[in-house]
């Protein structure tokens, strides 16, 4: 089993529920074929570098997973068939990129904890000044 990362862009005309349903479709497709989802990130609505199908924005989603090479072909066929997907890119991680993505996940999880502490300290400063 190899480690892969796929980033795909969904059309911006979808509602939040439709976007989440599309992401779940691809996640279940992977897990049904024996892949193990390691990480999922929704990057939200972002501006595209150039227009695609007359759209200037799109919902970016990233999935990291362990799978065999045969799973990738089926996943990409489903990306091509789904009209909600504007673009996609799947890359295989080598040991260096795998280590980097682990480090990035750890930093991301520690940053989620940090704003809570920062908010608490700013609340203390406000109460001290009042």
Protein backbone atom coordinates (compact mmCIF):
# COMPACT_ATOMS: atom_id res chain seq x y z
CA UNK A 1 0.00 0.00 0.00
CA UNK A 2 1.28 3.41 -0.98
CA UNK A 3 0.55 6.82 0.48
CA UNK A 4 -1.32 9.20 -1.84
CA UNK A 5 -2.69 12.72 -1.70
CA UNK A 6 -5.44 13.96 -3.95
CA UNK A 7 -6.64 17.53 -4.28
CA UNK A 8 -9.82 18.26 -6.18
CA UNK A 9 -11.79 21.40 -6.95
CA UNK A 10 -15.57 21.33 -6.87
CA UNK A 11 -17.79 23.77 -8.71
CA UNK A 12 -18.72 26.87 -6.65
CA UNK A 13 -22.46 26.64 -7.42
CA UNK A 14 -22.87 23.80 -4.88
CA UNK A 15 -24.40 24.35 -1.47
CA UNK A 16 -22.46 23.28 1.63
CA UNK A 17 -24.55 20.12 1.90
CA UNK A 18 -23.94 19.23 -1.75
CA UNK A 19 -20.23 19.85 -1.38
CA UNK A 20 -20.00 17.64 1.71
CA UNK A 21 -22.02 14.95 -0.08
CA UNK A 22 -19.56 15.01 -3.01
CA UNK A 23 -16.57 14.68 -0.67
CA UNK A 24 -18.28 11.80 1.17
CA UNK A 25 -18.90 10.09 -2.17
CA UNK A 26 -15.19 10.03 -2.95
CA UNK A 27 -14.26 9.01 0.60
CA UNK A 28 -16.66 6.05 0.53
CA UNK A 29 -15.42 5.11 -2.93
CA UNK A 30 -11.89 4.91 -1.51
CA UNK A 31 -12.82 3.00 1.65
CA UNK A 32 -14.96 0.53 -0.32
CA UNK A 33 -11.91 -0.35 -2.39
CA UNK A 34 -9.78 -0.93 0.71
CA UNK A 35 -8.09 2.44 1.08
CA UNK A 36 -7.46 3.97 4.49
CA UNK A 37 -8.20 7.70 4.82
CA UNK A 38 -5.42 9.38 6.82
CA UNK A 39 -6.41 13.02 6.60
CA UNK A 40 -9.15 15.15 5.08
CA UNK A 41 -9.00 18.91 4.71
CA UNK A 42 -11.56 21.27 3.27
CA UNK A 43 -9.80 24.42 2.16
CA UNK A 44 -13.04 26.19 1.35
CA UNK A 45 -13.99 28.49 -1.47
CA UNK A 46 -10.91 29.95 -3.15
CA UNK A 47 -10.16 31.99 -6.23
CA UNK A 48 -8.83 30.00 -9.17
CA UNK A 49 -5.63 31.01 -10.95
CA UNK A 50 -7.53 31.04 -14.23
CA UNK A 51 -11.19 30.57 -15.16
CA UNK A 52 -12.41 26.98 -15.59
CA UNK A 53 -15.79 26.52 -17.32
CA UNK A 54 -16.37 30.28 -16.88
CA UNK A 55 -16.00 29.95 -13.09
CA UNK A 56 -13.43 31.98 -11.18
CA UNK A 57 -13.77 30.23 -7.78
CA UNK A 58 -14.06 26.67 -6.51
CA UNK A 59 -14.26 24.54 -3.37
CA UNK A 60 -10.85 22.96 -2.70
CA UNK A 61 -10.69 19.59 -0.91
CA UNK A 62 -7.67 17.44 -0.03
CA UNK A 63 -7.60 13.76 0.94
CA UNK A 64 -4.56 11.80 2.14
CA UNK A 65 -4.91 8.04 2.05
CA UNK A 66 -3.13 4.70 1.87
CA UNK A 67 -4.17 2.54 -1.06
CA UNK A 68 -2.96 0.17 -3.71
CA UNK A 69 -2.16 1.52 -7.17
CA UNK A 70 -5.27 -0.02 -8.72
CA UNK A 71 -7.55 2.14 -6.55
CA UNK A 72 -6.21 5.34 -8.12
CA UNK A 73 -7.43 4.46 -11.61
CA UNK A 74 -10.98 3.91 -10.35
CA UNK A 75 -10.90 7.12 -8.32
CA UNK A 76 -9.77 9.21 -11.28
CA UNK A 77 -12.43 7.69 -13.55
CA UNK A 78 -15.04 8.79 -11.01
CA UNK A 79 -13.51 12.29 -10.85
CA UNK A 80 -13.78 12.55 -14.65
CA UNK A 81 -17.41 11.33 -14.68
CA UNK A 82 -18.62 13.65 -11.92
CA UNK A 83 -19.65 17.00 -13.36
CA UNK A 84 -19.21 18.69 -9.95
CA UNK A 85 -15.41 18.25 -10.18
CA UNK A 86 -13.60 20.99 -12.07
CA UNK A 87 -10.03 19.69 -11.64
CA UNK A 88 -8.18 17.02 -9.66
CA UNK A 89 -4.60 15.96 -9.01
CA UNK A 90 -3.42 12.78 -7.30
CA UNK A 91 0.20 12.41 -6.22
CA UNK A 92 2.10 9.53 -4.67
CA UNK A 93 4.12 10.45 -1.60
CA UNK A 94 7.72 9.43 -1.24
CA UNK A 95 9.22 9.15 2.24
CA UNK A 96 10.18 12.85 2.37
CA UNK A 97 6.80 14.19 1.33
CA UNK A 98 5.12 11.73 3.72
CA UNK A 99 7.25 13.05 6.60
CA UNK A 100 6.45 16.63 5.56
CA UNK A 101 2.70 15.97 5.50
CA UNK A 102 2.90 14.34 8.97
CA UNK A 103 4.76 17.41 10.26
CA UNK A 104 2.18 19.71 8.63
CA UNK A 105 -0.68 17.78 10.27
CA UNK A 106 0.99 18.04 13.70
CA UNK A 107 1.54 21.79 13.26
CA UNK A 108 -2.03 22.23 12.08
CA UNK A 109 -3.41 20.41 15.11
CA UNK A 110 -1.23 22.45 17.49
CA UNK A 111 -2.39 25.68 15.82
CA UNK A 112 -6.00 24.67 16.43
CA UNK A 113 -5.19 24.49 20.13
CA UNK A 114 -3.24 27.78 20.17
CA UNK A 115 -6.08 30.22 19.26
CA UNK A 116 -8.13 28.98 22.20
CA UNK A 117 -5.31 29.92 24.56
CA UNK A 118 -4.81 33.25 22.81
CA UNK A 119 -8.51 34.08 23.10
CA UNK A 120 -8.45 33.29 26.80
CA UNK A 121 -5.45 35.55 27.37
CA UNK A 122 -7.06 38.40 25.39
CA UNK A 123 -10.22 38.04 27.50
CA UNK A 124 -8.09 38.32 30.64
CA UNK A 125 -6.47 41.51 29.34
CA UNK A 126 -9.87 43.02 28.56
CA UNK A 127 -11.21 42.19 32.02
CA UNK A 128 -8.06 43.64 33.65
CA UNK A 129 -8.37 46.89 31.68
CA UNK A 130 -12.06 47.32 32.64
